[in-house]
Amino acid sequence: MNNKILIISVFMLLLSSLSLATQTLQISSATTPSTVAPGNDGYITLTITNVGTTYVDTLKIKSIKIDSPIILKSTLYQDSLGSLGPTKATSATIRFGVPVGTQTGFYTMELLVEACEASGSCSNFVHNSVVTVQSTSDLEIVSVEPTELTAGETANLEFTLMNHGDSALSNAVLSWADNKGNILPLGSDNRKFVSSIAGNDKVNVPVSIVVNPDATPGIYLLDVDIKYDDKTGNENIVSSSVGLMITGDFNFIATTESQDIITPGTTGNVNIKIANAGSQNAELMIIKILNSELEVMPSLMYVGKVKSDDYDTEKLSIKAGSAMSPGKYKMIIAMEYKDIFGNSYNETKAVDVLISSPEEAGKKGDNTWVFIILILIVVGYFVYRKRKK
């Protein structure tokens, strides 16, 4: 009897393993900047690819553990990352901070990703990402503010430099560059001179910048070099990279693209168009129809990504109640979406749906036949002329 139970248990375990084998995620990550100096923030971009054969209905980062003293600043892992079909990929950005005084070394961030099927069956995947911290010997970039910029914005960046040594530093020259050309100096070059920084003291270095209006929202690197003379007169160079966020705006326009003739008590199709006239992409968009006067199917739609300067069209089936009066009715559309940094947004739009009277519908139908007859007459005339020649 015990042998039979053992055989059955092993068989069930094999079946379970076979089922789970079809749900496989490939997870990779990249840290920006690759080396983070103490006092600065960094970003880990997680890319999740469904390399299995099973459709993932719900995907989320269930938990994040990170070695002390690194601080997790992003709350993205609290939210769902949506669904993920086979061969499809999605990404998430996680922000962390490296406190001043953090020792040089490698720190591990452990991410637990949960993938659930529609049946409720869930699998967990663990991914480890490494954060590299490199502290400078004497002079350090403690912070850069602000860390978030908007495309087309002019702003003052303030670099805070800290001298951790006991003696003063002199002739410090801070220079910076964005190799992508999205963050540019305004009114001066990209170099700032600081005559001296006392021991165990810090100084703020402001620079005027302008953000390229055509910059695509995302995370960009500023390469920063600081040359200075120590107390012996030797020249030293500190090189670092600072990650900055460039954000954009959303401007959605909802319109009725076309519709069937709908009269009270009848059903017809309405095509709506959602255009993104903003400067950044919308991710994981969901549309809900909030109308109570019109019966709309479907009332909930998953749109996914709507790129900047692009649009999405959705076909709706609308039934007008038999007691409804002819006229224009507002259909209220609620949109929920995220930006590339995981921030959530929601807004409502209204489009018009025309309910015609039976008399108006007949006239429109008559006009259509008149139009068709006119086309046939014109075509027949040209055919006649061609044969006569």
Foldseek 3Di string as FASTA:
>chain_A
DVVVVVVVVVVVVVVVVVVCVQFDKDKDKDKVPQEDEAQAKIKIKIKIAGQGQAKFQWKAFCDKDKDPPKAWDDPLRVDIQGIHHHRGMDMAMTMIHHHPPDDFDKMKMKIWMWTAHPVGDIDIDIDIDIHGYDYDDFKGFNYWPPQEAEQFDKDKIKTKMFGQAQAKWAFKKKFKDFPVPFKAFDPDHRIDTDGMAGHRGMDIDITIITGHNLDAWDKTKMWMKMWIADPVRDIDIDIDIHIGTYDKDWDKDKEWPDWDAAAAQDKIKTKMKIATQIRYKWAFKKKAWDDDQKDKPPRIDTDGIHGHRGMDMDMIMIHGHNPDDWDKDWTKMKMWTATNNSDIDIDIDIYIDTHDHPVVVVVVVVVVVVVVVVVVVVVVVVVVVVVVD
